[in-house]
Amino acid sequence: MSDDRSEHDGQSTSSVDLQKLSQLIANGEHPFPTEIDIESQTRLANLVRQHRRNSLLDLFAKQIAVEIHRHNNRLA
């Protein structure tokens, strides 16, 4: 019984760890691990790509908001 629970906990922890690790990698705070299996590398690479994409979209949105604010202040 404890073996089943530890396996389940390991899977949950592994998934959470990949989320945390992908954020660190996307922020340039940790190198991409090559010692993990190919399936995990693929999942991790996809998560890193998603974090970087979201960061880039946030940057674009902030820049657009700044430009709109500047434009509105010029009109007032």
PDB file of N, CA and C in Angstrom:
ATOM      1  N   MET A   1       0.815  -1.194   0.000  1.00  0.00           N
ATOM      2  CA  MET A   1       0.000   0.000   0.000  1.00  0.00           C
ATOM      3  C   MET A   1       0.856   1.255   0.000  1.00  0.00           C
ATOM      4  N   SER A   2       1.884   1.287   0.814  1.00  0.00           N
ATOM      5  CA  SER A   2       2.728   2.472   0.846  1.00  0.00           C
ATOM      6  C   SER A   2       3.479   2.646  -0.468  1.00  0.00           C
ATOM      7  N   ASP A   3       3.784   1.525  -1.175  1.00  0.00           N
ATOM      8  CA  ASP A   3       4.455   1.631  -2.459  1.00  0.00           C
ATOM      9  C   ASP A   3       3.586   2.358  -3.480  1.00  0.00           C
ATOM     10  N   ASP A   4       2.279   2.021  -3.517  1.00  0.00           N
ATOM     11  CA  ASP A   4       1.376   2.689  -4.447  1.00  0.00           C
ATOM     12  C   ASP A   4       1.303   4.182  -4.161  1.00  0.00           C
ATOM     13  N   ARG A   5       1.225   4.514  -2.882  1.00  0.00           N
ATOM     14  CA  ARG A   5       1.110   5.924  -2.510  1.00  0.00           C
ATOM     15  C   ARG A   5       2.377   6.679  -2.862  1.00  0.00           C
ATOM     16  N   SER A   6       3.532   6.070  -2.619  1.00  0.00           N
ATOM     17  CA  SER A   6       4.778   6.760  -2.918  1.00  0.00           C
ATOM     18  C   SER A   6       4.941   6.938  -4.430  1.00  0.00           C
ATOM     19  N   GLU A   7       4.491   5.958  -5.220  1.00  0.00           N
ATOM     20  CA  GLU A   7       4.558   6.115  -6.671  1.00  0.00           C
ATOM     21  C   GLU A   7       3.659   7.258  -7.120  1.00  0.00           C
ATOM     22  N   HIS A   8       2.448   7.309  -6.571  1.00  0.00           N
ATOM     23  CA  HIS A   8       1.524   8.378  -6.936  1.00  0.00           C
ATOM     24  C   HIS A   8       2.091   9.732  -6.516  1.00  0.00           C
ATOM     25  N   ASP A   9       2.629   9.800  -5.299  1.00  0.00           N
ATOM     26  CA  ASP A   9       3.225  11.044  -4.821  1.00  0.00           C
ATOM     27  C   ASP A   9       4.407  11.444  -5.694  1.00  0.00           C
ATOM     28  N   GLY A  10       5.188  10.469  -6.127  1.00  0.00           N
ATOM     29  CA  GLY A  10       6.327  10.762  -6.995  1.00  0.00           C
ATOM     30  C   GLY A  10       5.883  11.351  -8.316  1.00  0.00           C
ATOM     31  N   GLN A  11       4.789  10.851  -8.862  1.00  0.00           N
ATOM     32  CA  GLN A  11       4.292  11.385 -10.126  1.00  0.00           C
ATOM     33  C   GLN A  11       3.808  12.812  -9.943  1.00  0.00           C
ATOM     34  N   SER A  12       3.100  13.073  -8.875  1.00  0.00           N
ATOM     35  CA  SER A  12       2.604  14.422  -8.619  1.00  0.00           C
ATOM     36  C   SER A  12       3.761  15.376  -8.387  1.00  0.00           C
ATOM     37  N   THR A  13       4.721  14.929  -7.587  1.00  0.00           N
ATOM     38  CA  THR A  13       5.878  15.760  -7.285  1.00  0.00           C
ATOM     39  C   THR A  13       6.678  16.012  -8.547  1.00  0.00           C
ATOM     40  N   SER A  14       6.832  14.988  -9.375  1.00  0.00           N
ATOM     41  CA  SER A  14       7.576  15.137 -10.618  1.00  0.00           C
ATOM     42  C   SER A  14       6.945  16.194 -11.501  1.00  0.00           C
ATOM     43  N   SER A  15       5.625  16.177 -11.604  1.00  0.00           N
ATOM     44  CA  SER A  15       4.913  17.154 -12.414  1.00  0.00           C
ATOM     45  C   SER A  15       5.095  18.563 -11.871  1.00  0.00           C
ATOM     46  N   VAL A  16       4.984  18.695 -10.551  1.00  0.00           N
ATOM     47  CA  VAL A  16       5.168  20.004  -9.906  1.00  0.00           C
ATOM     48  C   VAL A  16       6.608  20.449 -10.084  1.00  0.00           C
ATOM     49  N   ASP A  17       7.564  19.534  -9.922  1.00  0.00           N
ATOM     50  CA  ASP A  17       8.969  19.874 -10.082  1.00  0.00           C
ATOM     51  C   ASP A  17       9.264  20.356 -11.497  1.00  0.00           C
ATOM     52  N   LEU A  18       8.653  19.724 -12.501  1.00  0.00           N
ATOM     53  CA  LEU A  18       8.859  20.174 -13.884  1.00  0.00           C
ATOM     54  C   LEU A  18       8.326  21.586 -14.073  1.00  0.00           C
ATOM     55  N   GLN A  19       7.207  21.906 -13.441  1.00  0.00           N
ATOM     56  CA  GLN A  19       6.657  23.266 -13.535  1.00  0.00           C
ATOM     57  C   GLN A  19       7.642  24.271 -12.937  1.00  0.00           C
ATOM     58  N   LYS A  20       8.117  23.972 -11.742  1.00  0.00           N
ATOM     59  CA  LYS A  20       9.055  24.878 -11.066  1.00  0.00           C
ATOM     60  C   LYS A  20      10.355  24.994 -11.852  1.00  0.00           C
ATOM     61  N   LEU A  21      10.872  23.842 -12.291  1.00  0.00           N
ATOM     62  CA  LEU A  21      12.127  23.826 -13.041  1.00  0.00           C
ATOM     63  C   LEU A  21      11.983  24.579 -14.357  1.00  0.00           C
ATOM     64  N   SER A  22      10.864  24.425 -15.020  1.00  0.00           N
ATOM     65  CA  SER A  22      10.671  25.114 -16.304  1.00  0.00           C
ATOM     66  C   SER A  22      10.661  26.629 -16.110  1.00  0.00           C
ATOM     67  N   GLN A  23      10.106  27.098 -15.013  1.00  0.00           N
ATOM     68  CA  GLN A  23      10.108  28.536 -14.727  1.00  0.00           C
ATOM     69  C   GLN A  23      11.534  29.023 -14.483  1.00  0.00           C
ATOM     70  N   LEU A  24      12.304  28.259 -13.723  1.00  0.00           N
ATOM     71  CA  LEU A  24      13.700  28.634 -13.459  1.00  0.00           C
ATOM     72  C   LEU A  24      14.513  28.671 -14.752  1.00  0.00           C
ATOM     73  N   ILE A  25      14.302  27.684 -15.611  1.00  0.00           N
ATOM     74  CA  ILE A  25      15.025  27.631 -16.889  1.00  0.00           C
ATOM     75  C   ILE A  25      14.606  28.801 -17.771  1.00  0.00           C
ATOM     76  N   ALA A  26      13.314  29.057 -17.850  1.00  0.00           N
ATOM     77  CA  ALA A  26      12.801  30.155 -18.677  1.00  0.00           C
ATOM     78  C   ALA A  26      13.360  31.499 -18.216  1.00  0.00           C
ATOM     79  N   ASN A  27      13.581  31.640 -16.918  1.00  0.00           N
ATOM     80  CA  ASN A  27      14.134  32.886 -16.367  1.00  0.00           C
ATOM     81  C   ASN A  27      15.652  32.935 -16.432  1.00  0.00           C
ATOM     82  N   GLY A  28      16.277  31.873 -16.938  1.00  0.00           N
ATOM     83  CA  GLY A  28      17.732  31.826 -17.029  1.00  0.00           C
ATOM     84  C   GLY A  28      18.414  31.554 -15.706  1.00  0.00           C
ATOM     85  N   GLU A  29      17.672  31.015 -14.741  1.00  0.00           N
ATOM     86  CA  GLU A  29      18.225  30.766 -13.413  1.00  0.00           C
ATOM     87  C   GLU A  29      18.756  29.349 -13.240  1.00  0.00           C
ATOM     88  N   HIS A  30      18.513  28.484 -14.225  1.00  0.00           N
ATOM     89  CA  HIS A  30      18.949  27.086 -14.123  1.00  0.00           C
ATOM     90  C   HIS A  30      19.203  26.561 -15.525  1.00  0.00           C
ATOM     91  N   PRO A  31      20.257  25.759 -15.712  1.00  0.00           N
ATOM     92  CA  PRO A  31      20.500  25.178 -17.039  1.00  0.00           C
ATOM     93  C   PRO A  31      19.499  24.065 -17.350  1.00  0.00           C
ATOM     94  N   PHE A  32      19.325  23.800 -18.619  1.00  0.00           N
ATOM     95  CA  PHE A  32      18.421  22.715 -19.032  1.00  0.00           C
ATOM     96  C   PHE A  32      19.095  21.386 -18.732  1.00  0.00           C
ATOM     97  N   PRO A  33      18.424  20.512 -17.975  1.00  0.00           N
ATOM     98  CA  PRO A  33      19.037  19.224 -17.611  1.00  0.00           C
ATOM     99  C   PRO A  33      19.026  18.243 -18.783  1.00  0.00           C
ATOM    100  N   THR A  34      20.163  17.634 -19.025  1.00  0.00           N
ATOM    101  CA  THR A  34      20.255  16.651 -20.109  1.00  0.00           C
ATOM    102  C   THR A  34      20.263  15.232 -19.565  1.00  0.00           C
ATOM    103  N   GLU A  35      20.306  15.080 -18.236  1.00  0.00           N
ATOM    104  CA  GLU A  35      20.377  13.744 -17.651  1.00  0.00           C
ATOM    105  C   GLU A  35      19.005  13.107 -17.460  1.00  0.00           C
ATOM    106  N   ILE A  36      17.930  13.821 -17.760  1.00  0.00           N
ATOM    107  CA  ILE A  36      16.594  13.245 -17.615  1.00  0.00           C
ATOM    108  C   ILE A  36      16.189  12.553 -18.918  1.00  0.00           C
ATOM    109  N   ASP A  37      15.196  11.696 -18.844  1.00  0.00           N
ATOM    110  CA  ASP A  37      14.775  10.929 -20.020  1.00  0.00           C
ATOM    111  C   ASP A  37      14.179  11.844 -21.094  1.00  0.00           C
ATOM    112  N   ILE A  38      14.141  11.351 -22.295  1.00  0.00           N
ATOM    113  CA  ILE A  38      13.703  12.133 -23.463  1.00  0.00           C
ATOM    114  C   ILE A  38      12.271  12.637 -23.296  1.00  0.00           C
ATOM    115  N   GLU A  39      11.383  11.804 -22.773  1.00  0.00           N
ATOM    116  CA  GLU A  39       9.992  12.227 -22.580  1.00  0.00           C
ATOM    117  C   GLU A  39       9.912  13.418 -21.630  1.00  0.00           C
ATOM    118  N   SER A  40      10.667  13.367 -20.544  1.00  0.00           N
ATOM    119  CA  SER A  40      10.681  14.483 -19.587  1.00  0.00           C
ATOM    120  C   SER A  40      11.330  15.719 -20.197  1.00  0.00           C
ATOM    121  N   GLN A  41      12.377  15.526 -20.990  1.00  0.00           N
ATOM    122  CA  GLN A  41      13.010  16.662 -21.676  1.00  0.00           C
ATOM    123  C   GLN A  41      12.029  17.350 -22.612  1.00  0.00           C
ATOM    124  N   THR A  42      11.247  16.557 -23.317  1.00  0.00           N
ATOM    125  CA  THR A  42      10.260  17.119 -24.242  1.00  0.00           C
ATOM    126  C   THR A  42       9.190  17.898 -23.490  1.00  0.00           C
ATOM    127  N   ARG A  43       8.670  17.302 -22.407  1.00  0.00           N
ATOM    128  CA  ARG A  43       7.663  18.007 -21.594  1.00  0.00           C
ATOM    129  C   ARG A  43       8.245  19.283 -21.010  1.00  0.00           C
ATOM    130  N   LEU A  44       9.477  19.194 -20.518  1.00  0.00           N
ATOM    131  CA  LEU A  44      10.128  20.362 -19.922  1.00  0.00           C
ATOM    132  C   LEU A  44      10.358  21.448 -20.971  1.00  0.00           C
ATOM    133  N   ALA A  45      10.820  21.063 -22.142  1.00  0.00           N
ATOM    134  CA  ALA A  45      11.048  22.034 -23.209  1.00  0.00           C
ATOM    135  C   ALA A  45       9.747  22.742 -23.588  1.00  0.00           C
ATOM    136  N   ASN A  46       8.651  22.005 -23.648  1.00  0.00           N
ATOM    137  CA  ASN A  46       7.356  22.615 -23.956  1.00  0.00           C
ATOM    138  C   ASN A  46       6.927  23.590 -22.866  1.00  0.00           C
ATOM    139  N   LEU A  47       7.156  23.233 -21.607  1.00  0.00           N
ATOM    140  CA  LEU A  47       6.814  24.129 -20.501  1.00  0.00           C
ATOM    141  C   LEU A  47       7.674  25.397 -20.525  1.00  0.00           C
ATOM    142  N   VAL A  48       8.966  25.239 -20.812  1.00  0.00           N
ATOM    143  CA  VAL A  48       9.863  26.400 -20.898  1.00  0.00           C
ATOM    144  C   VAL A  48       9.398  27.313 -22.028  1.00  0.00           C
ATOM    145  N   ARG A  49       9.073  26.723 -23.165  1.00  0.00           N
ATOM    146  CA  ARG A  49       8.587  27.500 -24.316  1.00  0.00           C
ATOM    147  C   ARG A  49       7.322  28.275 -23.943  1.00  0.00           C
ATOM    148  N   GLN A  50       6.424  27.624 -23.207  1.00  0.00           N
ATOM    149  CA  GLN A  50       5.188  28.272 -22.788  1.00  0.00           C
ATOM    150  C   GLN A  50       5.475  29.445 -21.840  1.00  0.00           C
ATOM    151  N   HIS A  51       6.379  29.263 -20.887  1.00  0.00           N
ATOM    152  CA  HIS A  51       6.732  30.342 -19.964  1.00  0.00           C
ATOM    153  C   HIS A  51       7.347  31.530 -20.722  1.00  0.00           C
ATOM    154  N   ARG A  52       8.250  31.229 -21.640  1.00  0.00           N
ATOM    155  CA  ARG A  52       8.909  32.302 -22.406  1.00  0.00           C
ATOM    156  C   ARG A  52       7.914  33.032 -23.295  1.00  0.00           C
ATOM    157  N   ARG A  53       7.017  32.281 -23.901  1.00  0.00           N
ATOM    158  CA  ARG A  53       5.980  32.897 -24.739  1.00  0.00           C
ATOM    159  C   ARG A  53       5.100  33.821 -23.911  1.00  0.00           C
ATOM    160  N   ASN A  54       4.670  33.337 -22.738  1.00  0.00           N
ATOM    161  CA  ASN A  54       3.826  34.153 -21.860  1.00  0.00           C
ATOM    162  C   ASN A  54       4.555  35.414 -21.397  1.00  0.00           C
ATOM    163  N   SER A  55       5.840  35.292 -21.097  1.00  0.00           N
ATOM    164  CA  SER A  55       6.628  36.453 -20.687  1.00  0.00           C
ATOM    165  C   SER A  55       6.713  37.476 -21.820  1.00  0.00           C
ATOM    166  N   LEU A  56       6.910  36.987 -23.025  1.00  0.00           N
ATOM    167  CA  LEU A  56       6.994  37.885 -24.179  1.00  0.00           C
ATOM    168  C   LEU A  56       5.656  38.578 -24.434  1.00  0.00           C
ATOM    169  N   LEU A  57       4.566  37.835 -24.319  1.00  0.00           N
ATOM    170  CA  LEU A  57       3.243  38.441 -24.492  1.00  0.00           C
ATOM    171  C   LEU A  57       2.965  39.486 -23.412  1.00  0.00           C
ATOM    172  N   ASP A  58       3.384  39.212 -22.177  1.00  0.00           N
ATOM    173  CA  ASP A  58       3.237  40.198 -21.096  1.00  0.00           C
ATOM    174  C   ASP A  58       4.018  41.463 -21.408  1.00  0.00           C
ATOM    175  N   LEU A  59       5.236  41.293 -21.909  1.00  0.00           N
ATOM    176  CA  LEU A  59       6.054  42.454 -22.272  1.00  0.00           C
ATOM    177  C   LEU A  59       5.377  43.279 -23.363  1.00  0.00           C
ATOM    178  N   PHE A  60       4.873  42.622 -24.392  1.00  0.00           N
ATOM    179  CA  PHE A  60       4.165  43.333 -25.466  1.00  0.00           C
ATOM    180  C   PHE A  60       2.952  44.078 -24.925  1.00  0.00           C
ATOM    181  N   ALA A  61       2.183  43.420 -24.086  1.00  0.00           N
ATOM    182  CA  ALA A  61       0.978  44.035 -23.522  1.00  0.00           C
ATOM    183  C   ALA A  61       1.339  45.274 -22.695  1.00  0.00           C
ATOM    184  N   LYS A  62       2.399  45.180 -21.908  1.00  0.00           N
ATOM    185  CA  LYS A  62       2.826  46.322 -21.093  1.00  0.00           C
ATOM    186  C   LYS A  62       3.284  47.480 -21.977  1.00  0.00           C
ATOM    187  N   GLN A  63       4.028  47.169 -23.027  1.00  0.00           N
ATOM    188  CA  GLN A  63       4.495  48.217 -23.937  1.00  0.00           C
ATOM    189  C   GLN A  63       3.320  48.894 -24.647  1.00  0.00           C
ATOM    190  N   ILE A  64       2.348  48.128 -25.062  1.00  0.00           N
ATOM    191  CA  ILE A  64       1.161  48.694 -25.708  1.00  0.00           C
ATOM    192  C   ILE A  64       0.403  49.573 -24.731  1.00  0.00           C
ATOM    193  N   ALA A  65       0.272  49.123 -23.487  1.00  0.00           N
ATOM    194  CA  ALA A  65      -0.422  49.919 -22.467  1.00  0.00           C
ATOM    195  C   ALA A  65       0.300  51.239 -22.218  1.00  0.00           C
ATOM    196  N   VAL A  66       1.623  51.206 -22.181  1.00  0.00           N
ATOM    197  CA  VAL A  66       2.408  52.442 -21.988  1.00  0.00           C
ATOM    198  C   VAL A  66       2.174  53.397 -23.152  1.00  0.00           C
ATOM    199  N   GLU A  67       2.186  52.888 -24.358  1.00  0.00           N
ATOM    200  CA  GLU A  67       1.965  53.735 -25.532  1.00  0.00           C
ATOM    201  C   GLU A  67       0.557  54.328 -25.534  1.00  0.00           C
ATOM    202  N   ILE A  68      -0.431  53.550 -25.179  1.00  0.00           N
ATOM    203  CA  ILE A  68      -1.812  54.058 -25.100  1.00  0.00           C
ATOM    204  C   ILE A  68      -1.903  55.151 -24.046  1.00  0.00           C
ATOM    205  N   HIS A  69      -1.281  54.927 -22.910  1.00  0.00           N
ATOM    206  CA  HIS A  69      -1.296  55.915 -21.834  1.00  0.00           C
ATOM    207  C   HIS A  69      -0.614  57.218 -22.289  1.00  0.00           C
ATOM    208  N   ARG A  70       0.523  57.099 -22.949  1.00  0.00           N
ATOM    209  CA  ARG A  70       1.230  58.287 -23.448  1.00  0.00           C
ATOM    210  C   ARG A  70       0.377  59.019 -24.475  1.00  0.00           C
ATOM    211  N   HIS A  71      -0.228  58.274 -25.360  1.00  0.00           N
ATOM    212  CA  HIS A  71      -1.069  58.883 -26.397  1.00  0.00           C
ATOM    213  C   HIS A  71      -2.252  59.621 -25.760  1.00  0.00           C
ATOM    214  N   ASN A  72      -2.898  59.007 -24.796  1.00  0.00           N
ATOM    215  CA  ASN A  72      -4.035  59.643 -24.122  1.00  0.00           C
ATOM    216  C   ASN A  72      -3.613  60.880 -23.357  1.00  0.00           C
ATOM    217  N   ASN A  73      -2.443  60.876 -22.783  1.00  0.00           N
ATOM    218  CA  ASN A  73      -1.954  62.057 -22.056  1.00  0.00           C
ATOM    219  C   ASN A  73      -1.627  63.207 -23.004  1.00  0.00           C
ATOM    220  N   ARG A  74      -1.204  62.901 -24.216  1.00  0.00           N
ATOM    221  CA  ARG A  74      -0.918  63.959 -25.212  1.00  0.00           C
ATOM    222  C   ARG A  74      -2.211  64.627 -25.698  1.00  0.00           C
ATOM    223  N   LEU A  75      -3.282  63.843 -25.724  1.00  0.00           N
ATOM    224  CA  LEU A  75      -4.550  64.378 -26.204  1.00  0.00           C
ATOM    225  C   LEU A  75      -5.251  65.242 -25.136  1.00  0.00           C
ATOM    226  N   ALA A  76      -4.917  65.026 -23.888  1.00  0.00           N
ATOM    227  CA  ALA A  76      -5.616  65.753 -22.805  1.00  0.00           C
ATOM    228  C   ALA A  76      -5.124  67.169 -22.652  1.00  0.00           C
TER     229      ALA A  76
END
